């Protein structure tokens, strides 16, 4: 029992948990970007979907989520401002 409790308190275990949380936040934000487009009736092609899911940067995904509220074409998400 002590060995199991020790493992969960180990810094490596905490690092793995934090990485999992980060991946979850990225996945959640990517889903939000695509849902916003869907809710607004903006068609989303496979290339756009792949690019959104390939992004691992929360700040960029946040920017895309904000853009998703005003674009008329999903490809406009990736246009430079």
Protein backbone atom coordinates (compact mmCIF):
# COMPACT_ATOMS: atom_id res chain seq x y z
CA UNK A 1 0.00 0.00 0.00
CA UNK A 2 2.80 2.43 0.80
CA UNK A 3 4.48 1.87 -2.57
CA UNK A 4 1.26 2.72 -4.41
CA UNK A 5 0.72 5.91 -2.41
CA UNK A 6 4.33 6.91 -3.03
CA UNK A 7 3.95 6.47 -6.78
CA UNK A 8 1.02 8.90 -6.98
CA UNK A 9 3.03 11.52 -5.08
CA UNK A 10 6.13 11.05 -7.19
CA UNK A 11 7.07 14.10 -9.34
CA UNK A 12 7.04 11.97 -12.48
CA UNK A 13 3.46 10.90 -11.80
CA UNK A 14 2.45 14.55 -11.32
CA UNK A 15 4.17 15.47 -14.58
CA UNK A 16 2.27 12.76 -16.44
CA UNK A 17 -1.01 13.96 -14.92
CA UNK A 18 -0.26 17.58 -15.89
CA UNK A 19 0.60 16.57 -19.46
CA UNK A 20 -2.71 14.72 -19.64
CA UNK A 21 -4.57 17.78 -18.37
CA UNK A 22 -2.82 19.97 -20.96
CA UNK A 23 -3.72 17.56 -23.76
CA UNK A 24 -7.31 17.61 -22.53
CA UNK A 25 -7.40 21.42 -22.61
CA UNK A 26 -6.01 21.45 -26.15
CA UNK A 27 -8.54 18.84 -27.32
CA UNK A 28 -11.38 20.72 -25.66
CA UNK A 29 -10.37 24.03 -27.28
CA UNK A 30 -10.04 22.42 -30.72
CA UNK A 31 -13.50 20.90 -30.30
CA UNK A 32 -14.85 24.34 -29.36
CA UNK A 33 -13.43 25.96 -32.51
CA UNK A 34 -15.11 23.37 -34.70
CA UNK A 35 -18.39 23.46 -32.76
CA UNK A 36 -18.57 27.25 -33.07
CA UNK A 37 -18.24 26.97 -36.82
CA UNK A 38 -20.83 24.20 -36.91
CA UNK A 39 -23.30 26.15 -34.75
CA UNK A 40 -22.94 29.13 -37.06
CA UNK A 41 -23.57 26.97 -40.13
CA UNK A 42 -20.07 27.41 -41.56
CA UNK A 43 -19.06 24.26 -43.47
CA UNK A 44 -15.87 22.62 -42.17
CA UNK A 45 -13.84 20.52 -44.57
CA UNK A 46 -11.50 17.71 -43.65
CA UNK A 47 -8.39 19.85 -44.22
CA UNK A 48 -9.60 22.50 -41.76
CA UNK A 49 -10.60 19.87 -39.22
CA UNK A 50 -7.17 18.22 -39.48
CA UNK A 51 -5.36 21.54 -39.07
CA UNK A 52 -7.39 22.49 -36.00
CA UNK A 53 -6.81 19.11 -34.36
CA UNK A 54 -3.10 19.19 -35.25
CA UNK A 55 -2.61 22.45 -33.37
CA UNK A 56 -1.21 22.05 -29.86
CA UNK A 57 -1.02 25.75 -28.99
CA UNK A 58 -3.80 26.88 -26.62
CA UNK A 59 -3.27 30.56 -27.47
CA UNK A 60 -3.61 29.93 -31.20
CA UNK A 61 -6.71 27.80 -30.62
CA UNK A 62 -8.18 30.61 -28.51
CA UNK A 63 -7.53 33.05 -31.36
CA UNK A 64 -9.19 30.68 -33.81
CA UNK A 65 -12.19 30.32 -31.48
CA UNK A 66 -12.62 34.09 -31.48
CA UNK A 67 -12.30 34.19 -35.26
CA UNK A 68 -14.80 31.34 -35.57
CA UNK A 69 -17.43 33.75 -34.26
CA UNK A 70 -17.09 36.06 -37.29
CA UNK A 71 -15.71 34.13 -40.31
CA UNK A 72 -17.91 33.06 -43.19
CA UNK A 73 -15.48 30.45 -44.52
CA UNK A 74 -13.67 28.01 -42.22
CA UNK A 75 -10.35 28.56 -44.05
CA UNK A 76 -10.44 32.19 -42.86
CA UNK A 77 -9.48 30.92 -39.40
CA UNK A 78 -5.90 30.54 -40.58
CA UNK A 79 -5.53 33.86 -42.45
CA UNK A 80 -2.95 36.23 -40.99
CA UNK A 81 -4.42 39.27 -39.31
